């Protein structure tokens, strides 16, 4: 009798909890910002790709809709000292619809990448539309040029006091989890000072865009 009662209670709890668990599984991840905070995984929120013959505008588009990228630095780890070292870094160039073109980052001295940057601030940042719905919707493999990715080279530096508020708002609105990261890790806001830009959005090799062309784009 007691066994049947316990079984009934378990069945009731399962019925009550199942919808809540399902909602958690399908809801937007906290780290991506969630709905209306830069989640470009839905057609409703992803703006249309600019014309591919306008490489500066395409570059700004990719930067703006990217929530993360692969940052390559020169390693200071003894096992691979002097070799290229790639890491995934969360980025934002501004709140959705207000892109500045500058990739901002929230970094900690505890990160291996930051140790590399302290010795050599030169870095290369790659961002791809593979992180959005664009490539999946069109059936493009992430490595295909049609999927569109850009490579930005430059130096990573801390932002100054006049820029820190914009950097903070840009990152926290897209990555709200950052607000809860432990202060003991001494997080700071940084940016990539862009010196070179390559755009791969079609066959035939990369298109070269100058920083002047890139920042002259009026992008909303």
Protein backbone atom coordinates (compact mmCIF):
# COMPACT_ATOMS: atom_id res chain seq x y z
CA UNK A 1 0.00 0.00 0.00
CA UNK A 2 2.78 2.40 1.00
CA UNK A 3 4.67 1.55 -2.19
CA UNK A 4 1.66 2.46 -4.34
CA UNK A 5 1.32 5.77 -2.44
CA UNK A 6 4.97 6.65 -3.01
CA UNK A 7 4.57 5.77 -6.68
CA UNK A 8 1.57 8.06 -6.96
CA UNK A 9 3.48 10.94 -5.35
CA UNK A 10 6.41 10.45 -7.75
CA UNK A 11 4.04 10.43 -10.72
CA UNK A 12 2.39 13.63 -9.51
CA UNK A 13 5.74 15.38 -9.00
CA UNK A 14 6.89 14.29 -12.47
CA UNK A 15 3.73 15.69 -14.05
CA UNK A 16 4.14 18.99 -12.21
CA UNK A 17 7.86 19.45 -12.85
CA UNK A 18 8.06 18.30 -16.48
CA UNK A 19 6.75 21.56 -18.02
CA UNK A 20 9.16 23.64 -15.92
CA UNK A 21 12.14 21.47 -16.90
CA UNK A 22 11.15 21.65 -20.56
CA UNK A 23 10.94 25.45 -20.36
CA UNK A 24 14.45 25.59 -18.91
CA UNK A 25 15.81 23.42 -21.69
CA UNK A 26 14.35 25.45 -24.55
CA UNK A 27 14.72 28.95 -23.09
CA UNK A 28 17.62 31.18 -24.26
CA UNK A 29 20.88 30.62 -22.39
CA UNK A 30 21.71 33.29 -19.81
CA UNK A 31 25.21 33.71 -21.18
CA UNK A 32 23.94 34.68 -24.64
CA UNK A 33 21.90 37.56 -23.34
CA UNK A 34 18.47 36.10 -24.02
CA UNK A 35 15.68 37.58 -26.11
CA UNK A 36 16.09 41.19 -27.26
CA UNK A 37 19.63 41.37 -25.88
CA UNK A 38 21.64 40.38 -28.91
CA UNK A 39 20.39 36.83 -29.42
CA UNK A 40 20.76 36.58 -33.19
CA UNK A 41 19.65 32.93 -33.33
CA UNK A 42 16.17 33.79 -34.59
CA UNK A 43 15.08 35.22 -37.94
CA UNK A 44 13.07 37.84 -36.08
CA UNK A 45 16.18 39.44 -34.59
CA UNK A 46 18.90 38.89 -37.22
CA UNK A 47 19.12 41.86 -39.63
CA UNK A 48 19.62 41.08 -43.35
CA UNK A 49 23.17 40.60 -44.62
CA UNK A 50 24.41 43.70 -46.50
CA UNK A 51 25.30 43.32 -50.20
CA UNK A 52 28.41 41.15 -50.50
CA UNK A 53 30.08 43.68 -52.82
CA UNK A 54 30.12 46.18 -49.94
CA UNK A 55 32.94 44.59 -47.92
CA UNK A 56 33.26 47.35 -45.28
CA UNK A 57 29.55 47.10 -44.48
CA UNK A 58 29.70 43.30 -44.38
CA UNK A 59 32.62 43.52 -41.93
CA UNK A 60 30.72 45.89 -39.66
CA UNK A 61 27.67 43.64 -39.85
CA UNK A 62 29.60 40.55 -38.75
CA UNK A 63 31.24 42.43 -35.90
CA UNK A 64 27.93 43.77 -34.68
CA UNK A 65 25.99 40.50 -34.68
CA UNK A 66 28.84 38.50 -33.15
CA UNK A 67 28.62 37.65 -29.45
CA UNK A 68 31.96 35.84 -29.43
CA UNK A 69 35.04 35.19 -31.49
CA UNK A 70 38.32 33.27 -31.56
CA UNK A 71 41.19 35.44 -30.34
CA UNK A 72 44.69 34.39 -31.39
CA UNK A 73 47.69 35.59 -29.39
CA UNK A 74 51.35 34.60 -29.02
CA UNK A 75 51.70 32.11 -26.19
CA UNK A 76 53.78 32.67 -23.05
CA UNK A 77 53.18 29.12 -21.80
CA UNK A 78 56.50 27.29 -21.64
CA UNK A 79 55.14 24.23 -23.44
CA UNK A 80 54.18 26.30 -26.49
CA UNK A 81 56.05 29.59 -25.97
CA UNK A 82 56.14 31.74 -29.08
CA UNK A 83 53.45 29.74 -30.88
CA UNK A 84 50.00 30.90 -31.85
CA UNK A 85 47.39 30.41 -29.12
CA UNK A 86 43.64 30.60 -29.77
CA UNK A 87 40.89 31.14 -27.22
CA UNK A 88 37.15 31.87 -27.30
CA UNK A 89 36.33 35.37 -26.07
CA UNK A 90 32.92 36.96 -25.56
CA UNK A 91 32.67 40.28 -27.40
CA UNK A 92 30.29 43.13 -28.15
CA UNK A 93 30.67 46.27 -30.24
CA UNK A 94 27.60 47.90 -28.73
CA UNK A 95 23.97 47.32 -27.77
CA UNK A 96 21.85 45.69 -30.50
CA UNK A 97 21.32 48.22 -33.28
CA UNK A 98 24.01 50.58 -31.98
CA UNK A 99 27.24 49.03 -33.22
CA UNK A 100 30.47 50.99 -32.87
CA UNK A 101 32.66 48.55 -34.82
CA UNK A 102 35.02 48.23 -31.85
CA UNK A 103 35.14 44.73 -30.34
CA UNK A 104 35.00 45.10 -26.55
CA UNK A 105 35.99 42.33 -24.13
CA UNK A 106 35.77 41.63 -20.40
CA UNK A 107 39.05 40.08 -19.33
CA UNK A 108 40.81 38.81 -16.22
CA UNK A 109 44.55 38.52 -15.44
CA UNK A 110 43.81 34.90 -14.57
CA UNK A 111 43.17 34.07 -18.22
CA UNK A 112 45.99 32.52 -20.24
CA UNK A 113 45.18 34.84 -23.13
CA UNK A 114 45.63 37.89 -20.92
CA UNK A 115 49.05 36.62 -19.80
CA UNK A 116 49.97 36.42 -23.47
CA UNK A 117 48.68 39.93 -24.14
CA UNK A 118 50.66 41.38 -21.25
CA UNK A 119 53.85 40.29 -22.99
CA UNK A 120 52.67 40.96 -26.54
CA UNK A 121 49.40 42.89 -27.10
CA UNK A 122 49.17 41.93 -30.76
CA UNK A 123 46.19 39.71 -31.53
CA UNK A 124 43.91 38.49 -34.29
CA UNK A 125 40.16 38.13 -33.80
CA UNK A 126 38.02 35.91 -36.06
CA UNK A 127 34.22 36.18 -36.00
CA UNK A 128 31.77 34.19 -38.12
CA UNK A 129 28.07 34.21 -38.95
CA UNK A 130 28.17 30.49 -38.12
CA UNK A 131 27.21 31.57 -34.59
CA UNK A 132 23.91 32.95 -35.90
CA UNK A 133 20.97 31.38 -37.70
CA UNK A 134 22.28 32.67 -41.05
CA UNK A 135 24.49 29.75 -42.08
CA UNK A 136 22.21 27.01 -40.79
CA UNK A 137 19.22 28.58 -42.50
CA UNK A 138 21.05 28.72 -45.86
CA UNK A 139 22.82 25.36 -45.52
CA UNK A 140 26.33 26.87 -45.48
CA UNK A 141 29.14 24.97 -43.75
CA UNK A 142 31.02 27.16 -41.23
CA UNK A 143 34.20 26.86 -43.33
CA UNK A 144 32.47 27.96 -46.53
CA UNK A 145 33.16 31.58 -47.53
CA UNK A 146 29.42 31.91 -48.13
CA UNK A 147 28.91 31.53 -44.37
CA UNK A 148 30.86 34.82 -44.01
CA UNK A 149 33.62 35.41 -41.51
CA UNK A 150 36.02 38.26 -40.88
CA UNK A 151 39.52 38.50 -39.44
CA UNK A 152 40.55 41.59 -37.50
CA UNK A 153 44.17 42.16 -36.54
CA UNK A 154 45.47 44.74 -34.08
CA UNK A 155 46.42 45.23 -30.45
CA UNK A 156 44.37 44.64 -27.33
CA UNK A 157 44.40 47.42 -24.73
CA UNK A 158 42.43 48.40 -21.64
CA UNK A 159 39.73 50.97 -22.34
CA UNK A 160 40.18 54.42 -20.83
CA UNK A 161 37.80 56.15 -18.43
CA UNK A 162 35.90 57.95 -21.20
CA UNK A 163 35.08 54.65 -22.89
CA UNK A 164 34.54 52.30 -19.97
CA UNK A 165 30.81 53.03 -19.52
CA UNK A 166 30.04 52.29 -23.16
CA UNK A 167 32.16 49.12 -23.06
CA UNK A 168 30.42 47.96 -19.88
CA UNK A 169 26.93 48.59 -21.22
CA UNK A 170 27.79 46.99 -24.57
CA UNK A 171 29.01 43.78 -22.94
CA UNK A 172 26.59 43.45 -20.04
CA UNK A 173 23.47 43.89 -22.17
CA UNK A 174 24.53 40.97 -24.38
CA UNK A 175 26.25 38.91 -21.69
CA UNK A 176 24.32 39.61 -18.45
CA UNK A 177 26.02 36.69 -16.71
CA UNK A 178 29.16 38.84 -16.64
CA UNK A 179 27.59 40.95 -13.90
CA UNK A 180 27.83 37.98 -11.52
CA UNK A 181 31.43 37.00 -12.26
CA UNK A 182 33.59 37.16 -9.08
CA UNK A 183 35.25 40.53 -8.46
CA UNK A 184 38.24 38.68 -7.00
CA UNK A 185 39.25 37.86 -10.60
CA UNK A 186 39.96 41.57 -11.20
CA UNK A 187 37.97 41.83 -14.42
CA UNK A 188 38.65 44.79 -16.69
CA UNK A 189 37.28 46.13 -19.98
CA UNK A 190 39.48 45.94 -23.06
CA UNK A 191 39.16 46.46 -26.80
CA UNK A 192 40.85 45.49 -30.03
CA UNK A 193 42.51 48.45 -31.74
CA UNK A 194 42.04 47.38 -35.35
CA UNK A 195 44.89 47.78 -37.85
CA UNK A 196 43.97 45.23 -40.55
CA UNK A 197 40.72 43.68 -41.78
CA UNK A 198 40.00 40.72 -44.05
CA UNK A 199 36.51 39.72 -45.18
CA UNK A 200 35.71 36.23 -46.50
CA UNK A 201 32.16 36.32 -47.81
CA UNK A 202 32.51 34.75 -51.27
CA UNK A 203 34.82 32.59 -53.38
CA UNK A 204 38.09 33.98 -54.76
CA UNK A 205 39.98 34.92 -51.62
CA UNK A 206 39.63 37.54 -48.91
CA UNK A 207 38.69 41.16 -49.46
CA UNK A 208 40.90 43.71 -47.74
CA UNK A 209 39.17 46.54 -45.90
CA UNK A 210 41.01 49.47 -44.35
CA UNK A 211 40.14 50.65 -40.84
CA UNK A 212 39.10 53.99 -42.36
CA UNK A 213 36.60 52.28 -44.70
CA UNK A 214 35.38 50.11 -41.85
CA UNK A 215 34.72 52.92 -39.38
CA UNK A 216 33.24 55.21 -42.03
CA UNK A 217 30.29 52.84 -42.40
CA UNK A 218 27.07 54.24 -40.95
CA UNK A 219 25.60 51.12 -39.45
CA UNK A 220 22.41 50.72 -37.48
